[in-house]
Amino acid sequence: MALFDEEPVKPKRAHEIGQDLSMLSVGDLEERIGQLKAEIGRLESELQAKGSTRLAAEALFRRE
């Protein structure tokens, strides 16, 4: 039994590509931009890691 009637905390929704942005506040938009920039950085790091792995494999198999 709770002492206070509290509204349940709504989980923040992830950004969806093509989503209507007109109802978001400036703060919400800035937060989403930060999240998307962090995700881009994560994707670029993974891409670089995969590229390094590919180059190492190519170098290994090119040995004569």
N, C-alpha and C. Protein backbone atom coordinates (compact mmCIF):
# COMPACT_ATOMS: atom_id res chain seq x y z
N MET A 1 0.85 -1.17 0.00
CA MET A 1 0.00 0.00 0.00
C MET A 1 0.90 1.24 0.00
N ALA A 2 0.73 2.09 -0.99
CA ALA A 2 1.55 3.27 -1.13
C ALA A 2 1.00 4.41 -0.28
N LEU A 3 1.89 5.22 0.27
CA LEU A 3 1.47 6.37 1.06
C LEU A 3 0.97 7.51 0.18
N PHE A 4 1.53 7.62 -1.00
CA PHE A 4 1.16 8.69 -1.91
C PHE A 4 0.70 8.10 -3.23
N ASP A 5 -0.32 8.70 -3.79
CA ASP A 5 -0.75 8.30 -5.12
C ASP A 5 0.12 9.03 -6.12
N GLU A 6 1.00 8.29 -6.74
CA GLU A 6 1.90 8.89 -7.71
C GLU A 6 1.58 8.36 -9.09
N GLU A 7 1.72 9.23 -10.07
CA GLU A 7 1.55 8.79 -11.44
C GLU A 7 2.74 7.93 -11.82
N PRO A 8 2.51 6.86 -12.53
CA PRO A 8 3.65 6.04 -12.95
C PRO A 8 4.57 6.83 -13.87
N VAL A 9 5.85 6.59 -13.74
CA VAL A 9 6.82 7.29 -14.57
C VAL A 9 6.77 6.71 -15.97
N LYS A 10 6.56 7.58 -16.94
CA LYS A 10 6.50 7.14 -18.32
C LYS A 10 7.91 6.98 -18.85
N PRO A 11 8.22 5.83 -19.44
CA PRO A 11 9.57 5.67 -20.00
C PRO A 11 9.74 6.60 -21.21
N LYS A 12 10.96 7.15 -21.36
CA LYS A 12 11.22 8.01 -22.50
C LYS A 12 11.25 7.17 -23.76
N ARG A 13 10.61 7.68 -24.77
CA ARG A 13 10.58 6.97 -26.05
C ARG A 13 11.84 7.27 -26.82
N ALA A 14 12.31 6.27 -27.50
CA ALA A 14 13.46 6.45 -28.38
C ALA A 14 13.01 7.25 -29.60
N HIS A 15 13.94 7.92 -30.19
CA HIS A 15 13.61 8.69 -31.39
C HIS A 15 13.29 7.74 -32.53
N GLU A 16 12.27 8.08 -33.26
CA GLU A 16 11.88 7.30 -34.43
C GLU A 16 12.11 8.17 -35.67
N ILE A 17 12.77 7.61 -36.65
CA ILE A 17 13.03 8.34 -37.89
C ILE A 17 11.69 8.72 -38.53
N GLY A 18 11.55 9.98 -38.89
CA GLY A 18 10.32 10.46 -39.54
C GLY A 18 9.23 10.86 -38.56
N GLN A 19 9.51 10.78 -37.29
CA GLN A 19 8.52 11.11 -36.27
C GLN A 19 8.15 12.60 -36.32
N ASP A 20 6.90 12.93 -36.00
CA ASP A 20 6.46 14.33 -35.93
C ASP A 20 7.16 14.99 -34.74
N LEU A 21 7.90 16.04 -35.00
CA LEU A 21 8.68 16.71 -33.97
C LEU A 21 8.01 17.97 -33.43
N SER A 22 6.87 18.34 -33.98
CA SER A 22 6.24 19.61 -33.64
C SER A 22 5.80 19.70 -32.18
N MET A 23 5.55 18.60 -31.53
CA MET A 23 5.07 18.62 -30.15
C MET A 23 6.21 18.54 -29.13
N LEU A 24 7.46 18.44 -29.58
CA LEU A 24 8.59 18.33 -28.67
C LEU A 24 9.09 19.72 -28.27
N SER A 25 9.52 19.84 -27.03
CA SER A 25 10.07 21.11 -26.55
C SER A 25 11.50 21.26 -27.05
N VAL A 26 12.04 22.46 -26.88
CA VAL A 26 13.43 22.71 -27.26
C VAL A 26 14.35 21.77 -26.48
N GLY A 27 14.09 21.60 -25.20
CA GLY A 27 14.89 20.70 -24.37
C GLY A 27 14.83 19.27 -24.86
N ASP A 28 13.63 18.81 -25.25
CA ASP A 28 13.48 17.45 -25.79
C ASP A 28 14.27 17.29 -27.08
N LEU A 29 14.19 18.31 -27.94
CA LEU A 29 14.91 18.25 -29.21
C LEU A 29 16.42 18.21 -28.97
N GLU A 30 16.91 19.04 -28.05
CA GLU A 30 18.35 19.04 -27.75
C GLU A 30 18.79 17.70 -27.17
N GLU A 31 17.96 17.13 -26.31
CA GLU A 31 18.28 15.82 -25.72
C GLU A 31 18.35 14.75 -26.80
N ARG A 32 17.40 14.76 -27.71
CA ARG A 32 17.40 13.76 -28.79
C ARG A 32 18.60 13.95 -29.71
N ILE A 33 18.96 15.20 -29.99
CA ILE A 33 20.14 15.46 -30.82
C ILE A 33 21.37 14.87 -30.15
N GLY A 34 21.51 15.07 -28.85
CA GLY A 34 22.63 14.49 -28.11
C GLY A 34 22.64 12.98 -28.18
N GLN A 35 21.48 12.37 -28.01
CA GLN A 35 21.38 10.91 -28.09
C GLN A 35 21.75 10.41 -29.48
N LEU A 36 21.28 11.10 -30.50
CA LEU A 36 21.58 10.69 -31.87
C LEU A 36 23.05 10.87 -32.21
N LYS A 37 23.66 11.96 -31.73
CA LYS A 37 25.10 12.16 -31.96
C LYS A 37 25.90 11.06 -31.27
N ALA A 38 25.50 10.68 -30.06
CA ALA A 38 26.19 9.60 -29.35
C ALA A 38 26.03 8.29 -30.13
N GLU A 39 24.86 8.05 -30.68
CA GLU A 39 24.63 6.82 -31.45
C GLU A 39 25.44 6.82 -32.73
N ILE A 40 25.55 7.98 -33.38
CA ILE A 40 26.38 8.09 -34.59
C ILE A 40 27.82 7.76 -34.25
N GLY A 41 28.32 8.29 -33.14
CA GLY A 41 29.68 7.98 -32.71
C GLY A 41 29.87 6.50 -32.47
N ARG A 42 28.89 5.87 -31.86
CA ARG A 42 28.95 4.43 -31.60
C ARG A 42 28.96 3.65 -32.91
N LEU A 43 28.15 4.06 -33.86
CA LEU A 43 28.10 3.40 -35.16
C LEU A 43 29.41 3.58 -35.93
N GLU A 44 29.97 4.78 -35.88
CA GLU A 44 31.24 5.03 -36.57
C GLU A 44 32.38 4.22 -35.96
N SER A 45 32.37 4.07 -34.64
CA SER A 45 33.40 3.26 -33.98
C SER A 45 33.29 1.80 -34.41
N GLU A 46 32.08 1.31 -34.49
CA GLU A 46 31.88 -0.09 -34.92
C GLU A 46 32.29 -0.27 -36.36
N LEU A 47 31.97 0.70 -37.19
CA LEU A 47 32.35 0.65 -38.60
C LEU A 47 33.87 0.64 -38.74
N GLN A 48 34.54 1.47 -37.97
CA GLN A 48 36.00 1.51 -38.01
C GLN A 48 36.59 0.19 -37.53
N ALA A 49 36.03 -0.38 -36.47
CA ALA A 49 36.52 -1.66 -35.97
C ALA A 49 36.35 -2.76 -37.01
N LYS A 50 35.22 -2.77 -37.67
CA LYS A 50 34.99 -3.78 -38.71
C LYS A 50 35.91 -3.57 -39.89
N GLY A 51 36.18 -2.31 -40.23
CA GLY A 51 37.10 -2.02 -41.32
C GLY A 51 38.50 -2.48 -40.99
N SER A 52 38.94 -2.29 -39.74
CA SER A 52 40.26 -2.73 -39.32
C SER A 52 40.36 -4.25 -39.38
N THR A 53 39.32 -4.92 -38.98
CA THR A 53 39.29 -6.39 -39.02
C THR A 53 39.37 -6.87 -40.45
N ARG A 54 38.63 -6.21 -41.33
CA ARG A 54 38.64 -6.60 -42.75
C ARG A 54 40.02 -6.40 -43.34
N LEU A 55 40.64 -5.26 -43.06
CA LEU A 55 41.98 -4.99 -43.58
C LEU A 55 42.99 -6.02 -43.07
N ALA A 56 42.88 -6.40 -41.81
CA ALA A 56 43.80 -7.39 -41.25
C ALA A 56 43.59 -8.74 -41.93
N ALA A 57 42.35 -9.10 -42.19
CA ALA A 57 42.06 -10.37 -42.87
C ALA A 57 42.58 -10.35 -44.30
N GLU A 58 42.39 -9.23 -44.99
CA GLU A 58 42.89 -9.11 -46.36
C GLU A 58 44.42 -9.21 -46.38
N ALA A 59 45.07 -8.58 -45.42
CA ALA A 59 46.54 -8.63 -45.36
C ALA A 59 47.02 -10.06 -45.10
N LEU A 60 46.30 -10.78 -44.25
CA LEU A 60 46.67 -12.16 -43.93
C LEU A 60 46.57 -13.05 -45.17
N PHE A 61 45.50 -12.90 -45.92
CA PHE A 61 45.28 -13.79 -47.06
C PHE A 61 46.06 -13.36 -48.32
N ARG A 62 46.62 -12.17 -48.33
CA ARG A 62 47.41 -11.72 -49.46
C ARG A 62 48.85 -12.18 -49.38
N ARG A 63 49.26 -12.70 -48.24
CA ARG A 63 50.66 -13.11 -48.09
C ARG A 63 51.02 -14.18 -49.12
N GLU A 64 52.18 -14.01 -49.71
CA GLU A 64 52.60 -14.99 -50.74
C GLU A 64 53.90 -15.59 -50.37
